[in-house]
């Protein structure tokens, strides 16, 4: 199984968030809790669904990430955009903070 993290949208403002250790949520993928096996993924998704029931986030799901080079990067382009921000204006969004 690939290394994965849980992504969702925060209900209060719609921002992309990632589940951290202890079932918290962060806007930074670097803070996300990574899982590497099916059982850990299922347990993490159960915690994420509890956060959805509590109306903290909407539609949590697992995404594959690559951790080579010391940085967590989603493997799918859609998720990379969600993690980094718009592709047309590097001066706005999360990529402007880099």
PDB file of N, CA and C in Angstrom:
ATOM      1  N   UNK A   1       0.839  -1.176   0.000  1.00  0.00           N
ATOM      2  CA  UNK A   1       0.000   0.000   0.000  1.00  0.00           C
ATOM      3  C   UNK A   1       0.891   1.249   0.000  1.00  0.00           C
ATOM      4  N   UNK A   2       0.479   2.243  -0.745  1.00  0.00           N
ATOM      5  CA  UNK A   2       1.201   3.515  -0.786  1.00  0.00           C
ATOM      6  C   UNK A   2       1.002   4.261   0.524  1.00  0.00           C
ATOM      7  N   UNK A   3       1.909   5.158   0.825  1.00  0.00           N
ATOM      8  CA  UNK A   3       1.728   6.035   1.979  1.00  0.00           C
ATOM      9  C   UNK A   3       0.588   6.985   1.661  1.00  0.00           C
ATOM     10  N   UNK A   4      -0.306   7.164   2.636  1.00  0.00           N
ATOM     11  CA  UNK A   4      -1.483   7.991   2.423  1.00  0.00           C
ATOM     12  C   UNK A   4      -1.717   8.930   3.599  1.00  0.00           C
ATOM     13  N   UNK A   5      -2.456  10.014   3.336  1.00  0.00           N
ATOM     14  CA  UNK A   5      -2.941  10.926   4.366  1.00  0.00           C
ATOM     15  C   UNK A   5      -4.417  11.188   4.070  1.00  0.00           C
ATOM     16  N   UNK A   6      -5.125  11.735   5.057  1.00  0.00           N
ATOM     17  CA  UNK A   6      -6.539  12.046   4.861  1.00  0.00           C
ATOM     18  C   UNK A   6      -6.701  13.530   4.562  1.00  0.00           C
ATOM     19  N   UNK A   7      -7.408  13.801   3.488  1.00  0.00           N
ATOM     20  CA  UNK A   7      -7.726  15.161   3.072  1.00  0.00           C
ATOM     21  C   UNK A   7      -9.232  15.365   3.209  1.00  0.00           C
ATOM     22  N   UNK A   8      -9.625  16.594   3.488  1.00  0.00           N
ATOM     23  CA  UNK A   8     -11.039  16.968   3.581  1.00  0.00           C
ATOM     24  C   UNK A   8     -11.127  18.472   3.392  1.00  0.00           C
ATOM     25  N   UNK A   9     -12.320  18.998   3.494  1.00  0.00           N
ATOM     26  CA  UNK A   9     -12.515  20.442   3.511  1.00  0.00           C
ATOM     27  C   UNK A   9     -13.096  20.826   4.858  1.00  0.00           C
ATOM     28  N   UNK A  10     -12.545  21.883   5.446  1.00  0.00           N
ATOM     29  CA  UNK A  10     -13.052  22.377   6.722  1.00  0.00           C
ATOM     30  C   UNK A  10     -14.425  22.996   6.473  1.00  0.00           C
ATOM     31  N   UNK A  11     -15.386  22.621   7.296  1.00  0.00           N
ATOM     32  CA  UNK A  11     -16.751  23.067   7.080  1.00  0.00           C
ATOM     33  C   UNK A  11     -16.907  24.569   7.272  1.00  0.00           C
ATOM     34  N   UNK A  12     -16.211  25.159   8.216  1.00  0.00           N
ATOM     35  CA  UNK A  12     -16.377  26.577   8.519  1.00  0.00           C
ATOM     36  C   UNK A  12     -16.003  27.524   7.395  1.00  0.00           C
ATOM     37  N   UNK A  13     -14.934  27.199   6.639  1.00  0.00           N
ATOM     38  CA  UNK A  13     -14.463  28.113   5.600  1.00  0.00           C
ATOM     39  C   UNK A  13     -14.159  27.446   4.262  1.00  0.00           C
ATOM     40  N   UNK A  14     -14.303  26.133   4.182  1.00  0.00           N
ATOM     41  CA  UNK A  14     -14.102  25.414   2.927  1.00  0.00           C
ATOM     42  C   UNK A  14     -12.672  25.122   2.560  1.00  0.00           C
ATOM     43  N   UNK A  15     -11.705  25.533   3.398  1.00  0.00           N
ATOM     44  CA  UNK A  15     -10.298  25.295   3.071  1.00  0.00           C
ATOM     45  C   UNK A  15      -9.949  23.811   3.121  1.00  0.00           C
ATOM     46  N   UNK A  16      -8.978  23.430   2.304  1.00  0.00           N
ATOM     47  CA  UNK A  16      -8.463  22.068   2.312  1.00  0.00           C
ATOM     48  C   UNK A  16      -7.692  21.857   3.607  1.00  0.00           C
ATOM     49  N   UNK A  17      -7.958  20.737   4.281  1.00  0.00           N
ATOM     50  CA  UNK A  17      -7.255  20.398   5.515  1.00  0.00           C
ATOM     51  C   UNK A  17      -6.838  18.934   5.477  1.00  0.00           C
ATOM     52  N   UNK A  18      -5.868  18.606   6.325  1.00  0.00           N
ATOM     53  CA  UNK A  18      -5.325  17.260   6.418  1.00  0.00           C
ATOM     54  C   UNK A  18      -5.384  16.815   7.872  1.00  0.00           C
ATOM     55  N   UNK A  19      -5.786  15.559   8.099  1.00  0.00           N
ATOM     56  CA  UNK A  19      -5.892  15.056   9.467  1.00  0.00           C
ATOM     57  C   UNK A  19      -4.495  14.834  10.053  1.00  0.00           C
ATOM     58  N   UNK A  20      -4.307  15.329  11.268  1.00  0.00           N
ATOM     59  CA  UNK A  20      -3.021  15.216  11.952  1.00  0.00           C
ATOM     60  C   UNK A  20      -3.078  14.087  12.977  1.00  0.00           C
ATOM     61  N   UNK A  21      -1.945  13.818  13.617  1.00  0.00           N
ATOM     62  CA  UNK A  21      -1.932  12.877  14.737  1.00  0.00           C
ATOM     63  C   UNK A  21      -2.911  13.383  15.784  1.00  0.00           C
ATOM     64  N   UNK A  22      -3.642  12.496  16.412  1.00  0.00           N
ATOM     65  CA  UNK A  22      -4.590  12.910  17.434  1.00  0.00           C
ATOM     66  C   UNK A  22      -5.896  13.422  16.862  1.00  0.00           C
ATOM     67  N   UNK A  23      -6.141  13.204  15.580  1.00  0.00           N
ATOM     68  CA  UNK A  23      -7.401  13.565  14.915  1.00  0.00           C
ATOM     69  C   UNK A  23      -7.650  15.066  14.820  1.00  0.00           C
ATOM     70  N   UNK A  24      -6.594  15.886  14.874  1.00  0.00           N
ATOM     71  CA  UNK A  24      -6.737  17.312  14.618  1.00  0.00           C
ATOM     72  C   UNK A  24      -6.713  17.546  13.110  1.00  0.00           C
ATOM     73  N   UNK A  25      -6.781  18.804  12.699  1.00  0.00           N
ATOM     74  CA  UNK A  25      -6.781  19.144  11.280  1.00  0.00           C
ATOM     75  C   UNK A  25      -5.844  20.323  11.030  1.00  0.00           C
ATOM     76  N   UNK A  26      -5.096  20.251   9.939  1.00  0.00           N
ATOM     77  CA  UNK A  26      -4.144  21.299   9.579  1.00  0.00           C
ATOM     78  C   UNK A  26      -4.298  21.655   8.110  1.00  0.00           C
ATOM     79  N   UNK A  27      -4.009  22.888   7.769  1.00  0.00           N
ATOM     80  CA  UNK A  27      -4.013  23.316   6.376  1.00  0.00           C
ATOM     81  C   UNK A  27      -2.733  22.882   5.654  1.00  0.00           C
ATOM     82  N   UNK A  28      -1.755  22.399   6.400  1.00  0.00           N
ATOM     83  CA  UNK A  28      -0.458  22.001   5.831  1.00  0.00           C
ATOM     84  C   UNK A  28      -0.351  20.491   5.708  1.00  0.00           C
ATOM     85  N   UNK A  29      -0.090  19.999   4.508  1.00  0.00           N
ATOM     86  CA  UNK A  29       0.053  18.565   4.292  1.00  0.00           C
ATOM     87  C   UNK A  29       1.245  18.012   5.075  1.00  0.00           C
ATOM     88  N   UNK A  30       2.241  18.857   5.348  1.00  0.00           N
ATOM     89  CA  UNK A  30       3.412  18.420   6.113  1.00  0.00           C
ATOM     90  C   UNK A  30       3.028  17.993   7.528  1.00  0.00           C
ATOM     91  N   UNK A  31       1.918  18.509   8.050  1.00  0.00           N
ATOM     92  CA  UNK A  31       1.462  18.173   9.402  1.00  0.00           C
ATOM     93  C   UNK A  31       0.593  16.921   9.450  1.00  0.00           C
ATOM     94  N   UNK A  32       0.254  16.379   8.290  1.00  0.00           N
ATOM     95  CA  UNK A  32      -0.690  15.259   8.220  1.00  0.00           C
ATOM     96  C   UNK A  32      -0.128  13.977   8.812  1.00  0.00           C
ATOM     97  N   UNK A  33      -1.020  13.192   9.383  1.00  0.00           N
ATOM     98  CA  UNK A  33      -0.689  11.863   9.894  1.00  0.00           C
ATOM     99  C   UNK A  33      -0.665  10.899   8.713  1.00  0.00           C
ATOM    100  N   UNK A  34       0.470  10.254   8.480  1.00  0.00           N
ATOM    101  CA  UNK A  34       0.609   9.327   7.361  1.00  0.00           C
ATOM    102  C   UNK A  34       0.294   7.900   7.800  1.00  0.00           C
ATOM    103  N   UNK A  35      -0.363   7.164   6.925  1.00  0.00           N
ATOM    104  CA  UNK A  35      -0.650   5.749   7.172  1.00  0.00           C
ATOM    105  C   UNK A  35      -0.028   4.933   6.052  1.00  0.00           C
ATOM    106  N   UNK A  36       0.400   3.731   6.408  1.00  0.00           N
ATOM    107  CA  UNK A  36       1.090   2.906   5.413  1.00  0.00           C
ATOM    108  C   UNK A  36       0.489   1.515   5.246  1.00  0.00           C
ATOM    109  N   UNK A  37      -0.599   1.223   5.961  1.00  0.00           N
ATOM    110  CA  UNK A  37      -1.245  -0.071   5.772  1.00  0.00           C
ATOM    111  C   UNK A  37      -2.764   0.085   5.834  1.00  0.00           C
ATOM    112  N   UNK A  38      -3.453  -0.920   5.352  1.00  0.00           N
ATOM    113  CA  UNK A  38      -4.905  -0.862   5.232  1.00  0.00           C
ATOM    114  C   UNK A  38      -5.595  -0.659   6.578  1.00  0.00           C
ATOM    115  N   UNK A  39      -5.142  -1.368   7.600  1.00  0.00           N
ATOM    116  CA  UNK A  39      -5.777  -1.262   8.918  1.00  0.00           C
ATOM    117  C   UNK A  39      -5.634   0.140   9.501  1.00  0.00           C
ATOM    118  N   UNK A  40      -4.449   0.725   9.373  1.00  0.00           N
ATOM    119  CA  UNK A  40      -4.232   2.086   9.874  1.00  0.00           C
ATOM    120  C   UNK A  40      -5.074   3.084   9.080  1.00  0.00           C
ATOM    121  N   UNK A  41      -5.208   2.855   7.786  1.00  0.00           N
ATOM    122  CA  UNK A  41      -6.037   3.719   6.956  1.00  0.00           C
ATOM    123  C   UNK A  41      -7.502   3.655   7.353  1.00  0.00           C
ATOM    124  N   UNK A  42      -7.985   2.450   7.649  1.00  0.00           N
ATOM    125  CA  UNK A  42      -9.374   2.295   8.071  1.00  0.00           C
ATOM    126  C   UNK A  42      -9.620   2.964   9.421  1.00  0.00           C
ATOM    127  N   UNK A  43      -8.673   2.828  10.342  1.00  0.00           N
ATOM    128  CA  UNK A  43      -8.814   3.467  11.655  1.00  0.00           C
ATOM    129  C   UNK A  43      -8.794   4.982  11.522  1.00  0.00           C
ATOM    130  N   UNK A  44      -7.911   5.503  10.682  1.00  0.00           N
ATOM    131  CA  UNK A  44      -7.841   6.942  10.473  1.00  0.00           C
ATOM    132  C   UNK A  44      -9.117   7.461   9.818  1.00  0.00           C
ATOM    133  N   UNK A  45      -9.653   6.708   8.861  1.00  0.00           N
ATOM    134  CA  UNK A  45     -10.899   7.122   8.213  1.00  0.00           C
ATOM    135  C   UNK A  45     -12.066   7.103   9.193  1.00  0.00           C
ATOM    136  N   UNK A  46     -12.080   6.177  10.136  1.00  0.00           N
ATOM    137  CA  UNK A  46     -13.135   6.158  11.159  1.00  0.00           C
ATOM    138  C   UNK A  46     -13.082   7.443  11.990  1.00  0.00           C
ATOM    139  N   UNK A  47     -11.877   7.881  12.349  1.00  0.00           N
ATOM    140  CA  UNK A  47     -11.727   9.128  13.095  1.00  0.00           C
ATOM    141  C   UNK A  47     -12.143  10.322  12.235  1.00  0.00           C
ATOM    142  N   UNK A  48     -11.807  10.284  10.955  1.00  0.00           N
ATOM    143  CA  UNK A  48     -12.176  11.379  10.052  1.00  0.00           C
ATOM    144  C   UNK A  48     -13.686  11.443   9.867  1.00  0.00           C
ATOM    145  N   UNK A  49     -14.330  10.284   9.778  1.00  0.00           N
ATOM    146  CA  UNK A  49     -15.789  10.270   9.647  1.00  0.00           C
ATOM    147  C   UNK A  49     -16.447  10.815  10.919  1.00  0.00           C
ATOM    148  N   UNK A  50     -15.834  10.565  12.077  1.00  0.00           N
ATOM    149  CA  UNK A  50     -16.352  11.128  13.334  1.00  0.00           C
ATOM    150  C   UNK A  50     -16.267  12.656  13.301  1.00  0.00           C
ATOM    151  N   UNK A  51     -15.200  13.182  12.727  1.00  0.00           N
ATOM    152  CA  UNK A  51     -15.070  14.640  12.586  1.00  0.00           C
ATOM    153  C   UNK A  51     -16.107  15.176  11.608  1.00  0.00           C
ATOM    154  N   UNK A  52     -16.447  14.387  10.619  1.00  0.00           N
ATOM    155  CA  UNK A  52     -17.485  14.797   9.668  1.00  0.00           C
ATOM    156  C   UNK A  52     -18.855  14.823  10.362  1.00  0.00           C
ATOM    157  N   UNK A  53     -19.144  13.811  11.175  1.00  0.00           N
ATOM    158  CA  UNK A  53     -20.398  13.767  11.932  1.00  0.00           C
ATOM    159  C   UNK A  53     -20.470  14.958  12.894  1.00  0.00           C
ATOM    160  N   UNK A  54     -19.319  15.342  13.457  1.00  0.00           N
ATOM    161  CA  UNK A  54     -19.255  16.487  14.373  1.00  0.00           C
ATOM    162  C   UNK A  54     -19.283  17.820  13.623  1.00  0.00           C
ATOM    163  N   UNK A  55     -19.372  17.756  12.295  1.00  0.00           N
ATOM    164  CA  UNK A  55     -19.459  18.944  11.429  1.00  0.00           C
ATOM    165  C   UNK A  55     -18.218  19.830  11.482  1.00  0.00           C
ATOM    166  N   UNK A  56     -17.065  19.177  11.587  1.00  0.00           N
ATOM    167  CA  UNK A  56     -15.799  19.902  11.516  1.00  0.00           C
ATOM    168  C   UNK A  56     -15.276  19.948  10.083  1.00  0.00           C
ATOM    169  N   UNK A  57     -15.464  18.841   9.366  1.00  0.00           N
ATOM    170  CA  UNK A  57     -14.989  18.712   7.987  1.00  0.00           C
ATOM    171  C   UNK A  57     -16.070  18.049   7.143  1.00  0.00           C
ATOM    172  N   UNK A  58     -15.882  18.136   5.822  1.00  0.00           N
ATOM    173  CA  UNK A  58     -16.780  17.433   4.905  1.00  0.00           C
ATOM    174  C   UNK A  58     -15.970  16.573   3.952  1.00  0.00           C
ATOM    175  N   UNK A  59     -16.517  15.433   3.620  1.00  0.00           N
ATOM    176  CA  UNK A  59     -15.986  14.488   2.643  1.00  0.00           C
ATOM    177  C   UNK A  59     -14.513  14.132   2.811  1.00  0.00           C
ATOM    178  N   UNK A  60     -14.122  13.589   3.951  1.00  0.00           N
ATOM    179  CA  UNK A  60     -12.731  13.142   4.106  1.00  0.00           C
ATOM    180  C   UNK A  60     -12.446  11.917   3.237  1.00  0.00           C
ATOM    181  N   UNK A  61     -11.220  11.844   2.742  1.00  0.00           N
ATOM    182  CA  UNK A  61     -10.818  10.688   1.948  1.00  0.00           C
ATOM    183  C   UNK A  61      -9.300  10.550   1.990  1.00  0.00           C
ATOM    184  N   UNK A  62      -8.822   9.356   1.709  1.00  0.00           N
ATOM    185  CA  UNK A  62      -7.388   9.072   1.693  1.00  0.00           C
ATOM    186  C   UNK A  62      -6.792   9.464   0.347  1.00  0.00           C
ATOM    187  N   UNK A  63      -5.601  10.068   0.388  1.00  0.00           N
ATOM    188  CA  UNK A  63      -4.870  10.375  -0.840  1.00  0.00           C
ATOM    189  C   UNK A  63      -3.468   9.782  -0.739  1.00  0.00           C
ATOM    190  N   UNK A  64      -2.939   9.362  -1.869  1.00  0.00           N
ATOM    191  CA  UNK A  64      -1.572   8.853  -1.933  1.00  0.00           C
ATOM    192  C   UNK A  64      -0.598  10.019  -1.927  1.00  0.00           C
ATOM    193  N   UNK A  65       0.505   9.834  -1.201  1.00  0.00           N
ATOM    194  CA  UNK A  65       1.544  10.860  -1.174  1.00  0.00           C
ATOM    195  C   UNK A  65       2.897  10.232  -1.449  1.00  0.00           C
ATOM    196  N   UNK A  66       3.825  11.063  -1.874  1.00  0.00           N
ATOM    197  CA  UNK A  66       5.221  10.686  -2.080  1.00  0.00           C
ATOM    198  C   UNK A  66       6.039  11.485  -1.072  1.00  0.00           C
ATOM    199  N   UNK A  67       6.862  10.804  -0.299  1.00  0.00           N
ATOM    200  CA  UNK A  67       7.662  11.485   0.727  1.00  0.00           C
ATOM    201  C   UNK A  67       9.144  11.562   0.362  1.00  0.00           C
ATOM    202  N   UNK A  68       9.491  11.256  -0.883  1.00  0.00           N
ATOM    203  CA  UNK A  68      10.890  11.322  -1.287  1.00  0.00           C
ATOM    204  C   UNK A  68      11.341  12.777  -1.339  1.00  0.00           C
ATOM    205  N   UNK A  69      12.598  13.004  -1.087  1.00  0.00           N
ATOM    206  CA  UNK A  69      13.138  14.353  -1.108  1.00  0.00           C
ATOM    207  C   UNK A  69      12.814  15.167   0.130  1.00  0.00           C
ATOM    208  N   UNK A  70      12.313  14.503   1.179  1.00  0.00           N
ATOM    209  CA  UNK A  70      12.048  15.192   2.435  1.00  0.00           C
ATOM    210  C   UNK A  70      10.800  16.070   2.444  1.00  0.00           C
ATOM    211  N   UNK A  71       9.963  15.954   1.426  1.00  0.00           N
ATOM    212  CA  UNK A  71       8.745  16.753   1.355  1.00  0.00           C
ATOM    213  C   UNK A  71       7.577  15.846   0.988  1.00  0.00           C
ATOM    214  N   UNK A  72       6.437  16.077   1.609  1.00  0.00           N
ATOM    215  CA  UNK A  72       5.233  15.321   1.262  1.00  0.00           C
ATOM    216  C   UNK A  72       4.556  15.988   0.078  1.00  0.00           C
ATOM    217  N   UNK A  73       4.352  15.184  -0.963  1.00  0.00           N
ATOM    218  CA  UNK A  73       3.683  15.693  -2.158  1.00  0.00           C
ATOM    219  C   UNK A  73       2.633  14.687  -2.591  1.00  0.00           C
ATOM    220  N   UNK A  74       1.415  15.157  -2.860  1.00  0.00           N
ATOM    221  CA  UNK A  74       0.404  14.254  -3.409  1.00  0.00           C
ATOM    222  C   UNK A  74       0.868  13.700  -4.748  1.00  0.00           C
ATOM    223  N   UNK A  75       0.478  12.493  -5.063  1.00  0.00           N
ATOM    224  CA  UNK A  75       0.899  11.876  -6.318  1.00  0.00           C
ATOM    225  C   UNK A  75      -0.028  12.237  -7.476  1.00  0.00           C
ATOM    226  N   UNK A  76      -1.245  12.658  -7.189  1.00  0.00           N
ATOM    227  CA  UNK A  76      -2.189  13.046  -8.242  1.00  0.00           C
ATOM    228  C   UNK A  76      -2.196  14.568  -8.388  1.00  0.00           C
ATOM    229  N   UNK A  77      -2.290  15.021  -9.625  1.00  0.00           N
ATOM    230  CA  UNK A  77      -2.228  16.453  -9.913  1.00  0.00           C
ATOM    231  C   UNK A  77      -3.350  17.222  -9.211  1.00  0.00           C
ATOM    232  N   UNK A  78      -4.547  16.673  -9.194  1.00  0.00           N
ATOM    233  CA  UNK A  78      -5.672  17.333  -8.520  1.00  0.00           C
ATOM    234  C   UNK A  78      -5.341  17.617  -7.063  1.00  0.00           C
ATOM    235  N   UNK A  79      -4.767  16.638  -6.398  1.00  0.00           N
ATOM    236  CA  UNK A  79      -4.434  16.794  -4.982  1.00  0.00           C
ATOM    237  C   UNK A  79      -3.261  17.746  -4.782  1.00  0.00           C
ATOM    238  N   UNK A  80      -2.352  17.786  -5.740  1.00  0.00           N
ATOM    239  CA  UNK A  80      -1.242  18.736  -5.675  1.00  0.00           C
ATOM    240  C   UNK A  80      -1.775  20.171  -5.728  1.00  0.00           C
ATOM    241  N   UNK A  81      -2.751  20.418  -6.591  1.00  0.00           N
ATOM    242  CA  UNK A  81      -3.368  21.746  -6.660  1.00  0.00           C
ATOM    243  C   UNK A  81      -4.081  22.066  -5.353  1.00  0.00           C
ATOM    244  N   UNK A  82      -4.788  21.093  -4.781  1.00  0.00           N
ATOM    245  CA  UNK A  82      -5.475  21.322  -3.513  1.00  0.00           C
ATOM    246  C   UNK A  82      -4.465  21.637  -2.408  1.00  0.00           C
ATOM    247  N   UNK A  83      -3.290  21.021  -2.461  1.00  0.00           N
ATOM    248  CA  UNK A  83      -2.270  21.240  -1.430  1.00  0.00           C
ATOM    249  C   UNK A  83      -1.506  22.551  -1.624  1.00  0.00           C
ATOM    250  N   UNK A  84      -1.238  22.930  -2.865  1.00  0.00           N
ATOM    251  CA  UNK A  84      -0.377  24.085  -3.143  1.00  0.00           C
ATOM    252  C   UNK A  84      -1.115  25.347  -3.545  1.00  0.00           C
ATOM    253  N   UNK A  85      -2.301  25.226  -4.103  1.00  0.00           N
ATOM    254  CA  UNK A  85      -3.047  26.397  -4.531  1.00  0.00           C
ATOM    255  C   UNK A  85      -3.145  26.496  -6.042  1.00  0.00           C
ATOM    256  N   UNK A  86      -3.709  27.597  -6.557  1.00  0.00           N
ATOM    257  CA  UNK A  86      -3.946  27.773  -7.994  1.00  0.00           C
ATOM    258  C   UNK A  86      -2.661  27.650  -8.808  1.00  0.00           C
ATOM    259  N   UNK A  87      -2.814  27.200 -10.040  1.00  0.00           N
ATOM    260  CA  UNK A  87      -1.651  27.023 -10.909  1.00  0.00           C
ATOM    261  C   UNK A  87      -1.411  28.216 -11.822  1.00  0.00           C
ATOM    262  N   UNK A  88      -2.335  29.149 -11.874  1.00  0.00           N
ATOM    263  CA  UNK A  88      -2.215  30.253 -12.823  1.00  0.00           C
ATOM    264  C   UNK A  88      -1.571  31.507 -12.245  1.00  0.00           C
ATOM    265  N   UNK A  89      -1.566  31.655 -10.918  1.00  0.00           N
ATOM    266  CA  UNK A  89      -1.018  32.850 -10.284  1.00  0.00           C
ATOM    267  C   UNK A  89      -0.132  32.436  -9.112  1.00  0.00           C
ATOM    268  N   UNK A  90       1.166  32.349  -9.300  1.00  0.00           N
ATOM    269  CA  UNK A  90       2.046  31.939  -8.218  1.00  0.00           C
ATOM    270  C   UNK A  90       2.152  32.960  -7.081  1.00  0.00           C
ATOM    271  N   UNK A  91       1.587  34.152  -7.280  1.00  0.00           N
ATOM    272  CA  UNK A  91       1.665  35.179  -6.256  1.00  0.00           C
ATOM    273  C   UNK A  91       0.482  35.133  -5.276  1.00  0.00           C
ATOM    274  N   UNK A  92      -0.458  34.209  -5.495  1.00  0.00           N
ATOM    275  CA  UNK A  92      -1.589  34.061  -4.579  1.00  0.00           C
ATOM    276  C   UNK A  92      -1.695  32.611  -4.128  1.00  0.00           C
ATOM    277  N   UNK A  93      -2.461  32.366  -3.101  1.00  0.00           N
ATOM    278  CA  UNK A  93      -2.666  31.012  -2.624  1.00  0.00           C
ATOM    279  C   UNK A  93      -1.504  30.506  -1.794  1.00  0.00           C
ATOM    280  N   UNK A  94      -1.533  29.249  -1.500  1.00  0.00           N
ATOM    281  CA  UNK A  94      -0.515  28.628  -0.646  1.00  0.00           C
ATOM    282  C   UNK A  94       0.874  28.686  -1.245  1.00  0.00           C
ATOM    283  N   UNK A  95       0.972  28.611  -2.574  1.00  0.00           N
ATOM    284  CA  UNK A  95       2.299  28.620  -3.200  1.00  0.00           C
ATOM    285  C   UNK A  95       3.008  29.950  -3.009  1.00  0.00           C
ATOM    286  N   UNK A  96       2.278  31.035  -2.753  1.00  0.00           N
ATOM    287  CA  UNK A  96       2.894  32.343  -2.521  1.00  0.00           C
ATOM    288  C   UNK A  96       3.636  32.384  -1.187  1.00  0.00           C
ATOM    289  N   UNK A  97       3.261  31.489  -0.269  1.00  0.00           N
ATOM    290  CA  UNK A  97       3.886  31.449   1.055  1.00  0.00           C
ATOM    291  C   UNK A  97       5.235  30.749   1.033  1.00  0.00           C
ATOM    292  N   UNK A  98       5.546  30.057  -0.041  1.00  0.00           N
ATOM    293  CA  UNK A  98       6.801  29.288  -0.108  1.00  0.00           C
ATOM    294  C   UNK A  98       7.998  30.157  -0.340  1.00  0.00           C
TER     295      UNK A  98
END
